[in-house]
């Protein structure tokens, strides 16, 4: 049996909606209290670091909500309002960072772009290339070439 989530009781939710209506505040903003923001930030950071769900293909905000036992609307509001990105960009940033580590550590030399995209949790190469360029300012191919060059230069310096 799952532990109950104290943030999602029908009574609390009805009261928060009533307060939001009385104050003319959008419903979802009312739910992001400072304590909830802190709790969600901790849950997400821990889960993203430990479980690396961004590497799973077709992982959705609903699956994340289920995994961290927090309602999807709260996660969405937190990611949008507190982090300033949407869910896809949030996950894609983690994927791109993971890819950068793999490239820098020369762990993906045998992969083409499609294979690299798949290993990093992307469904297709075009989405991968677009996200990579958005967050790094260069294509994965350019980043890989630059990384290989830097690794060779470092090896040459170490050999001197």
N, C-alpha and C. Protein backbone atom coordinates (compact mmCIF):
# COMPACT_ATOMS: atom_id res chain seq x y z
N UNK A 1 0.84 -1.19 0.00
CA UNK A 1 0.00 0.00 0.00
C UNK A 1 0.88 1.24 0.00
N UNK A 2 0.56 2.18 -0.87
CA UNK A 2 1.33 3.41 -0.97
C UNK A 2 1.05 4.31 0.22
N UNK A 3 2.10 5.02 0.70
CA UNK A 3 1.84 6.01 1.74
C UNK A 3 1.03 7.15 1.14
N UNK A 4 0.12 7.70 1.95
CA UNK A 4 -0.70 8.78 1.42
C UNK A 4 0.13 10.05 1.31
N UNK A 5 -0.25 10.88 0.36
CA UNK A 5 0.44 12.14 0.14
C UNK A 5 -0.34 13.24 0.85
N UNK A 6 0.28 13.91 1.83
CA UNK A 6 -0.45 14.92 2.61
C UNK A 6 -0.85 16.13 1.79
N UNK A 7 -0.30 16.29 0.60
CA UNK A 7 -0.62 17.46 -0.22
C UNK A 7 -1.86 17.26 -1.07
N UNK A 8 -2.40 16.09 -1.05
CA UNK A 8 -3.46 15.78 -2.00
C UNK A 8 -4.70 15.22 -1.32
N UNK A 9 -5.18 15.89 -0.32
CA UNK A 9 -6.43 15.43 0.29
C UNK A 9 -7.57 16.25 -0.29
N UNK A 10 -8.71 15.64 -0.51
CA UNK A 10 -9.85 16.37 -1.09
C UNK A 10 -10.27 17.58 -0.25
N UNK A 11 -10.20 17.46 1.07
CA UNK A 11 -10.59 18.57 1.94
C UNK A 11 -9.66 19.76 1.77
N UNK A 12 -8.37 19.49 1.79
CA UNK A 12 -7.38 20.55 1.61
C UNK A 12 -7.54 21.18 0.24
N UNK A 13 -7.76 20.36 -0.75
CA UNK A 13 -7.88 20.85 -2.12
C UNK A 13 -9.11 21.76 -2.28
N UNK A 14 -10.25 21.34 -1.70
CA UNK A 14 -11.45 22.18 -1.76
C UNK A 14 -11.21 23.52 -1.08
N UNK A 15 -10.57 23.50 0.07
CA UNK A 15 -10.30 24.74 0.81
C UNK A 15 -9.37 25.64 0.00
N UNK A 16 -8.34 25.09 -0.60
CA UNK A 16 -7.40 25.90 -1.39
C UNK A 16 -8.09 26.50 -2.61
N UNK A 17 -8.96 25.75 -3.24
CA UNK A 17 -9.70 26.29 -4.39
C UNK A 17 -10.61 27.43 -3.97
N UNK A 18 -11.24 27.28 -2.81
CA UNK A 18 -12.11 28.32 -2.30
C UNK A 18 -11.32 29.60 -2.02
N UNK A 19 -10.17 29.46 -1.40
CA UNK A 19 -9.30 30.61 -1.11
C UNK A 19 -8.86 31.24 -2.42
N UNK A 20 -8.48 30.43 -3.38
CA UNK A 20 -8.02 30.94 -4.67
C UNK A 20 -9.13 31.73 -5.36
N UNK A 21 -10.34 31.18 -5.35
CA UNK A 21 -11.47 31.89 -5.98
C UNK A 21 -11.74 33.21 -5.27
N UNK A 22 -11.72 33.18 -3.93
CA UNK A 22 -11.99 34.40 -3.16
C UNK A 22 -10.96 35.48 -3.42
N UNK A 23 -9.73 35.07 -3.65
CA UNK A 23 -8.64 36.03 -3.87
C UNK A 23 -8.40 36.32 -5.35
N UNK A 24 -9.13 35.66 -6.22
CA UNK A 24 -8.95 35.88 -7.65
C UNK A 24 -7.63 35.34 -8.17
N UNK A 25 -7.09 34.35 -7.50
CA UNK A 25 -5.80 33.76 -7.87
C UNK A 25 -6.04 32.50 -8.68
N UNK A 26 -5.21 32.28 -9.70
CA UNK A 26 -5.32 31.06 -10.49
C UNK A 26 -5.15 29.86 -9.57
N UNK A 27 -5.93 28.82 -9.82
CA UNK A 27 -5.98 27.64 -8.96
C UNK A 27 -4.61 27.01 -8.69
N UNK A 28 -3.82 26.76 -9.71
CA UNK A 28 -2.57 26.04 -9.51
C UNK A 28 -1.55 26.84 -8.71
N UNK A 29 -1.60 28.16 -8.76
CA UNK A 29 -0.63 28.97 -8.02
C UNK A 29 -0.83 28.81 -6.51
N UNK A 30 -2.05 28.60 -6.11
CA UNK A 30 -2.37 28.47 -4.70
C UNK A 30 -1.74 27.22 -4.10
N UNK A 31 -1.56 26.21 -4.90
CA UNK A 31 -1.05 24.95 -4.40
C UNK A 31 0.45 24.94 -4.17
N UNK A 32 1.17 25.85 -4.75
CA UNK A 32 2.62 25.87 -4.59
C UNK A 32 3.02 26.74 -3.41
N UNK A 33 2.83 26.19 -2.24
CA UNK A 33 3.25 26.88 -1.02
C UNK A 33 4.76 26.74 -0.88
N UNK A 34 5.40 27.58 -0.09
CA UNK A 34 6.85 27.45 0.10
C UNK A 34 7.28 26.06 0.58
N UNK A 35 6.49 25.46 1.47
CA UNK A 35 6.83 24.11 1.95
C UNK A 35 6.75 23.09 0.82
N UNK A 36 5.71 23.20 0.00
CA UNK A 36 5.57 22.28 -1.13
C UNK A 36 6.70 22.47 -2.13
N UNK A 37 7.03 23.71 -2.40
CA UNK A 37 8.13 24.00 -3.33
C UNK A 37 9.40 23.33 -2.84
N UNK A 38 9.68 23.47 -1.56
CA UNK A 38 10.87 22.84 -0.98
C UNK A 38 10.80 21.32 -1.10
N UNK A 39 9.65 20.74 -0.77
CA UNK A 39 9.49 19.29 -0.81
C UNK A 39 9.62 18.75 -2.24
N UNK A 40 8.98 19.41 -3.18
CA UNK A 40 9.03 18.95 -4.57
C UNK A 40 10.45 19.08 -5.11
N UNK A 41 11.11 20.19 -4.78
CA UNK A 41 12.50 20.38 -5.24
C UNK A 41 13.38 19.24 -4.72
N UNK A 42 13.22 18.89 -3.45
CA UNK A 42 14.02 17.81 -2.87
C UNK A 42 13.69 16.47 -3.53
N UNK A 43 12.38 16.18 -3.67
CA UNK A 43 11.96 14.92 -4.29
C UNK A 43 12.51 14.79 -5.71
N UNK A 44 12.36 15.85 -6.50
CA UNK A 44 12.82 15.79 -7.89
C UNK A 44 14.34 15.64 -7.98
N UNK A 45 15.05 16.43 -7.20
CA UNK A 45 16.52 16.35 -7.24
C UNK A 45 16.99 14.95 -6.88
N UNK A 46 16.44 14.41 -5.82
CA UNK A 46 16.83 13.07 -5.37
C UNK A 46 16.47 12.01 -6.41
N UNK A 47 15.25 12.07 -6.90
CA UNK A 47 14.79 11.06 -7.85
C UNK A 47 15.55 11.16 -9.17
N UNK A 48 15.74 12.37 -9.67
CA UNK A 48 16.45 12.55 -10.94
C UNK A 48 17.90 12.07 -10.84
N UNK A 49 18.52 12.30 -9.70
CA UNK A 49 19.90 11.87 -9.50
C UNK A 49 20.02 10.37 -9.30
N UNK A 50 19.17 9.82 -8.47
CA UNK A 50 19.27 8.40 -8.12
C UNK A 50 18.72 7.46 -9.19
N UNK A 51 17.59 7.81 -9.77
CA UNK A 51 16.90 6.90 -10.69
C UNK A 51 17.13 7.21 -12.17
N UNK A 52 17.54 8.42 -12.49
CA UNK A 52 17.79 8.87 -13.87
C UNK A 52 16.65 8.50 -14.82
N UNK A 53 15.42 8.94 -14.51
CA UNK A 53 14.28 8.59 -15.36
C UNK A 53 14.35 9.20 -16.75
N UNK A 54 15.14 10.24 -16.91
CA UNK A 54 15.28 10.90 -18.21
C UNK A 54 15.91 9.98 -19.25
N UNK A 55 16.49 8.87 -18.83
CA UNK A 55 17.07 7.92 -19.78
C UNK A 55 16.03 6.92 -20.30
N UNK A 56 14.85 6.94 -19.72
CA UNK A 56 13.77 6.04 -20.15
C UNK A 56 13.04 6.68 -21.33
N UNK A 57 12.83 5.91 -22.36
CA UNK A 57 12.11 6.42 -23.52
C UNK A 57 10.64 6.61 -23.19
N UNK A 58 10.07 7.67 -23.73
CA UNK A 58 8.65 7.99 -23.60
C UNK A 58 8.20 8.15 -22.15
N UNK A 59 9.07 8.61 -21.31
CA UNK A 59 8.73 8.86 -19.91
C UNK A 59 7.92 10.15 -19.83
N UNK A 60 6.83 10.14 -19.11
CA UNK A 60 5.92 11.29 -19.09
C UNK A 60 5.85 11.91 -17.70
N UNK A 61 5.27 13.09 -17.65
CA UNK A 61 5.08 13.76 -16.36
C UNK A 61 4.16 12.93 -15.46
N UNK A 62 3.25 12.19 -16.05
CA UNK A 62 2.35 11.35 -15.26
C UNK A 62 3.11 10.19 -14.63
N UNK A 63 4.07 9.64 -15.35
CA UNK A 63 4.90 8.57 -14.77
C UNK A 63 5.78 9.14 -13.67
N UNK A 64 6.34 10.32 -13.89
CA UNK A 64 7.16 10.97 -12.87
C UNK A 64 6.32 11.24 -11.62
N UNK A 65 5.12 11.76 -11.83
CA UNK A 65 4.23 12.05 -10.70
C UNK A 65 3.95 10.78 -9.89
N UNK A 66 3.70 9.70 -10.59
CA UNK A 66 3.45 8.43 -9.91
C UNK A 66 4.70 7.98 -9.14
N UNK A 67 5.86 8.11 -9.77
CA UNK A 67 7.10 7.66 -9.14
C UNK A 67 7.47 8.47 -7.90
N UNK A 68 7.21 9.77 -7.91
CA UNK A 68 7.55 10.59 -6.75
C UNK A 68 6.34 10.84 -5.85
N UNK A 69 5.23 10.20 -6.18
CA UNK A 69 3.99 10.27 -5.39
C UNK A 69 3.56 11.71 -5.12
N UNK A 70 3.52 12.47 -6.20
CA UNK A 70 3.08 13.86 -6.16
C UNK A 70 2.16 14.07 -7.35
N UNK A 71 1.06 14.77 -7.19
CA UNK A 71 0.15 14.98 -8.31
C UNK A 71 0.84 15.67 -9.50
N UNK A 72 0.47 15.24 -10.68
CA UNK A 72 1.09 15.77 -11.90
C UNK A 72 0.90 17.27 -12.03
N UNK A 73 -0.27 17.79 -11.59
CA UNK A 73 -0.48 19.23 -11.73
C UNK A 73 0.49 20.02 -10.85
N UNK A 74 0.87 19.46 -9.69
CA UNK A 74 1.85 20.14 -8.83
C UNK A 74 3.24 20.10 -9.45
N UNK A 75 3.61 18.94 -9.99
CA UNK A 75 4.91 18.84 -10.65
C UNK A 75 4.99 19.80 -11.83
N UNK A 76 3.95 19.82 -12.62
CA UNK A 76 3.93 20.69 -13.78
C UNK A 76 4.03 22.16 -13.36
N UNK A 77 3.25 22.54 -12.37
CA UNK A 77 3.30 23.92 -11.88
C UNK A 77 4.69 24.25 -11.34
N UNK A 78 5.28 23.33 -10.59
CA UNK A 78 6.62 23.56 -10.04
C UNK A 78 7.65 23.73 -11.16
N UNK A 79 7.65 22.82 -12.11
CA UNK A 79 8.63 22.88 -13.21
C UNK A 79 8.44 24.16 -14.02
N UNK A 80 7.19 24.49 -14.32
CA UNK A 80 6.93 25.69 -15.12
C UNK A 80 7.24 26.98 -14.37
N UNK A 81 6.73 27.09 -13.15
CA UNK A 81 6.83 28.35 -12.42
C UNK A 81 8.15 28.53 -11.68
N UNK A 82 8.62 27.50 -11.04
CA UNK A 82 9.83 27.62 -10.22
C UNK A 82 11.11 27.43 -11.03
N UNK A 83 11.08 26.54 -12.01
CA UNK A 83 12.27 26.28 -12.81
C UNK A 83 12.27 27.06 -14.12
N UNK A 84 11.10 27.54 -14.51
CA UNK A 84 10.99 28.38 -15.70
C UNK A 84 11.11 27.64 -17.03
N UNK A 85 10.84 26.34 -17.02
CA UNK A 85 10.88 25.54 -18.24
C UNK A 85 9.67 24.62 -18.25
N UNK A 86 9.40 24.02 -19.40
CA UNK A 86 8.34 23.01 -19.44
C UNK A 86 8.95 21.63 -19.16
N UNK A 87 8.10 20.64 -19.00
CA UNK A 87 8.56 19.30 -18.65
C UNK A 87 9.55 18.75 -19.67
N UNK A 88 9.27 18.90 -20.96
CA UNK A 88 10.16 18.35 -21.99
C UNK A 88 11.53 19.00 -21.92
N UNK A 89 11.59 20.31 -21.78
CA UNK A 89 12.89 20.98 -21.66
C UNK A 89 13.62 20.56 -20.39
N UNK A 90 12.89 20.38 -19.31
CA UNK A 90 13.48 19.94 -18.05
C UNK A 90 14.18 18.59 -18.24
N UNK A 91 13.46 17.63 -18.82
CA UNK A 91 14.05 16.32 -19.06
C UNK A 91 15.15 16.36 -20.11
N UNK A 92 14.93 17.12 -21.17
CA UNK A 92 15.94 17.19 -22.23
C UNK A 92 17.25 17.79 -21.73
N UNK A 93 17.19 18.72 -20.80
CA UNK A 93 18.42 19.27 -20.23
C UNK A 93 19.22 18.18 -19.52
N UNK A 94 18.54 17.34 -18.75
CA UNK A 94 19.22 16.22 -18.08
C UNK A 94 19.81 15.26 -19.12
N UNK A 95 19.06 15.01 -20.17
CA UNK A 95 19.53 14.10 -21.21
C UNK A 95 20.77 14.66 -21.91
N UNK A 96 20.75 15.92 -22.22
CA UNK A 96 21.90 16.56 -22.89
C UNK A 96 23.12 16.53 -21.97
N UNK A 97 22.93 16.85 -20.71
CA UNK A 97 24.07 16.80 -19.76
C UNK A 97 24.64 15.39 -19.67
N UNK A 98 23.76 14.40 -19.64
CA UNK A 98 24.21 13.01 -19.60
C UNK A 98 25.03 12.68 -20.86
N UNK A 99 24.54 13.12 -21.99
CA UNK A 99 25.23 12.90 -23.26
C UNK A 99 26.60 13.57 -23.25
N UNK A 100 26.67 14.78 -22.74
CA UNK A 100 27.95 15.49 -22.68
C UNK A 100 28.97 14.70 -21.85
N UNK A 101 28.53 14.15 -20.74
CA UNK A 101 29.43 13.35 -19.91
C UNK A 101 29.91 12.12 -20.69
N UNK A 102 29.00 11.44 -21.35
CA UNK A 102 29.38 10.25 -22.12
C UNK A 102 30.39 10.60 -23.22
N UNK A 103 30.16 11.71 -23.89
CA UNK A 103 31.07 12.13 -24.96
C UNK A 103 32.44 12.49 -24.38
N UNK A 104 32.45 13.29 -23.32
CA UNK A 104 33.73 13.71 -22.72
C UNK A 104 34.55 12.53 -22.21
N UNK A 105 33.86 11.52 -21.71
CA UNK A 105 34.56 10.35 -21.17
C UNK A 105 34.80 9.28 -22.22
N UNK A 106 34.56 9.63 -23.48
CA UNK A 106 34.81 8.74 -24.63
C UNK A 106 34.09 7.40 -24.49
N UNK A 107 32.87 7.43 -24.00
CA UNK A 107 32.11 6.21 -23.79
C UNK A 107 31.13 5.91 -24.91
N UNK A 108 31.09 6.78 -25.93
CA UNK A 108 30.10 6.61 -26.99
C UNK A 108 30.72 6.71 -28.39
N UNK A 109 31.99 6.42 -28.49
CA UNK A 109 32.67 6.57 -29.78
C UNK A 109 32.08 5.68 -30.86
N UNK A 110 31.54 4.53 -30.47
CA UNK A 110 31.03 3.59 -31.46
C UNK A 110 29.59 3.89 -31.90
N UNK A 111 28.95 4.88 -31.27
CA UNK A 111 27.56 5.20 -31.61
C UNK A 111 27.48 6.27 -32.69
N UNK A 112 26.50 6.11 -33.59
CA UNK A 112 26.15 7.20 -34.49
C UNK A 112 25.17 8.10 -33.73
N UNK A 113 24.70 9.18 -34.36
CA UNK A 113 23.81 10.12 -33.66
C UNK A 113 22.51 9.47 -33.20
N UNK A 114 21.98 8.59 -34.03
CA UNK A 114 20.73 7.92 -33.66
C UNK A 114 20.93 7.05 -32.42
N UNK A 115 22.02 6.31 -32.39
CA UNK A 115 22.33 5.47 -31.25
C UNK A 115 22.61 6.28 -29.99
N UNK A 116 23.33 7.37 -30.17
CA UNK A 116 23.63 8.25 -29.04
C UNK A 116 22.34 8.86 -28.48
N UNK A 117 21.46 9.29 -29.37
CA UNK A 117 20.17 9.84 -28.96
C UNK A 117 19.40 8.82 -28.12
N UNK A 118 19.37 7.59 -28.59
CA UNK A 118 18.64 6.52 -27.91
C UNK A 118 19.24 6.25 -26.53
N UNK A 119 20.55 6.16 -26.44
CA UNK A 119 21.23 5.90 -25.18
C UNK A 119 20.96 7.01 -24.15
N UNK A 120 20.74 8.21 -24.64
CA UNK A 120 20.52 9.36 -23.76
C UNK A 120 19.04 9.64 -23.49
N UNK A 121 18.15 8.77 -23.96
CA UNK A 121 16.74 8.88 -23.63
C UNK A 121 15.88 9.60 -24.64
N UNK A 122 16.44 9.98 -25.77
CA UNK A 122 15.66 10.67 -26.80
C UNK A 122 14.98 9.66 -27.72
N UNK A 123 13.78 10.00 -28.17
CA UNK A 123 13.03 9.11 -29.06
C UNK A 123 13.56 9.15 -30.49
N UNK A 124 14.10 10.30 -30.91
CA UNK A 124 14.60 10.39 -32.28
C UNK A 124 15.77 11.36 -32.38
N UNK A 125 16.49 11.26 -33.46
CA UNK A 125 17.70 12.03 -33.67
C UNK A 125 17.41 13.53 -33.81
N UNK A 126 16.32 13.88 -34.47
CA UNK A 126 16.02 15.30 -34.67
C UNK A 126 15.74 16.02 -33.36
N UNK A 127 14.97 15.40 -32.49
CA UNK A 127 14.70 15.99 -31.17
C UNK A 127 15.99 16.11 -30.39
N UNK A 128 16.81 15.09 -30.46
CA UNK A 128 18.11 15.08 -29.79
C UNK A 128 18.98 16.24 -30.28
N UNK A 129 19.11 16.37 -31.58
CA UNK A 129 19.95 17.42 -32.15
C UNK A 129 19.43 18.80 -31.77
N UNK A 130 18.13 18.99 -31.85
CA UNK A 130 17.54 20.29 -31.50
C UNK A 130 17.77 20.63 -30.04
N UNK A 131 17.52 19.68 -29.16
CA UNK A 131 17.71 19.92 -27.72
C UNK A 131 19.18 20.16 -27.40
N UNK A 132 20.04 19.38 -28.01
CA UNK A 132 21.47 19.52 -27.75
C UNK A 132 21.94 20.92 -28.14
N UNK A 133 21.52 21.36 -29.31
CA UNK A 133 21.91 22.68 -29.78
C UNK A 133 21.30 23.78 -28.91
N UNK A 134 20.09 23.58 -28.47
CA UNK A 134 19.42 24.57 -27.62
C UNK A 134 20.18 24.79 -26.32
N UNK A 135 20.68 23.71 -25.72
CA UNK A 135 21.31 23.81 -24.41
C UNK A 135 22.82 24.00 -24.45
N UNK A 136 23.47 23.67 -25.57
CA UNK A 136 24.93 23.80 -25.63
C UNK A 136 25.39 24.82 -26.66
N UNK A 137 24.51 25.17 -27.58
CA UNK A 137 24.90 26.10 -28.63
C UNK A 137 25.61 25.44 -29.80
N UNK A 138 25.71 24.13 -29.78
CA UNK A 138 26.33 23.39 -30.90
C UNK A 138 25.64 22.06 -31.10
N UNK A 139 25.86 21.49 -32.26
CA UNK A 139 25.25 20.19 -32.55
C UNK A 139 26.02 19.09 -31.81
N UNK A 140 25.41 17.94 -31.63
CA UNK A 140 26.13 16.83 -30.99
C UNK A 140 27.39 16.44 -31.76
N UNK A 141 27.33 16.47 -33.08
CA UNK A 141 28.50 16.13 -33.90
C UNK A 141 29.64 17.11 -33.65
N UNK A 142 29.32 18.40 -33.64
CA UNK A 142 30.35 19.41 -33.37
C UNK A 142 30.92 19.25 -31.97
N UNK A 143 30.05 18.99 -31.01
CA UNK A 143 30.51 18.80 -29.63
C UNK A 143 31.42 17.58 -29.52
N UNK A 144 31.05 16.52 -30.21
CA UNK A 144 31.86 15.29 -30.19
C UNK A 144 33.23 15.53 -30.82
N UNK A 145 33.25 16.23 -31.96
CA UNK A 145 34.53 16.55 -32.61
C UNK A 145 35.41 17.40 -31.71
N UNK A 146 34.82 18.40 -31.11
CA UNK A 146 35.58 19.29 -30.22
C UNK A 146 36.11 18.52 -29.00
N UNK A 147 35.28 17.64 -28.47
CA UNK A 147 35.70 16.85 -27.31
C UNK A 147 36.85 15.91 -27.66
N UNK A 148 36.77 15.27 -28.83
CA UNK A 148 37.85 14.38 -29.28
C UNK A 148 39.15 15.17 -29.43
N UNK A 149 39.05 16.35 -30.02
CA UNK A 149 40.23 17.20 -30.20
C UNK A 149 40.82 17.61 -28.85
N UNK A 150 39.98 18.00 -27.92
CA UNK A 150 40.46 18.38 -26.59
C UNK A 150 41.11 17.20 -25.87
N UNK A 151 40.51 16.01 -26.01
CA UNK A 151 41.10 14.82 -25.39
C UNK A 151 42.48 14.52 -25.97
N UNK A 152 42.62 14.66 -27.28
CA UNK A 152 43.92 14.42 -27.92
C UNK A 152 44.95 15.44 -27.45
N UNK A 153 44.54 16.70 -27.37
CA UNK A 153 45.45 17.74 -26.90
C UNK A 153 45.88 17.47 -25.47
N UNK A 154 44.94 17.04 -24.64
CA UNK A 154 45.26 16.74 -23.25
C UNK A 154 46.23 15.56 -23.15
N UNK A 155 46.00 14.52 -23.97
CA UNK A 155 46.90 13.37 -23.98
C UNK A 155 48.30 13.78 -24.43
N UNK A 156 48.35 14.67 -25.42
CA UNK A 156 49.63 15.14 -25.92
C UNK A 156 50.37 15.93 -24.83
N UNK A 157 49.65 16.79 -24.11
CA UNK A 157 50.25 17.57 -23.04
C UNK A 157 50.72 16.67 -21.91
N UNK A 158 49.93 15.66 -21.60
CA UNK A 158 50.29 14.73 -20.53
C UNK A 158 51.53 13.92 -20.91
N UNK A 159 51.71 13.69 -22.20
CA UNK A 159 52.85 12.91 -22.67
C UNK A 159 54.14 13.71 -22.71
N UNK A 160 54.04 15.03 -22.65
CA UNK A 160 55.24 15.87 -22.72
C UNK A 160 55.98 15.92 -21.45
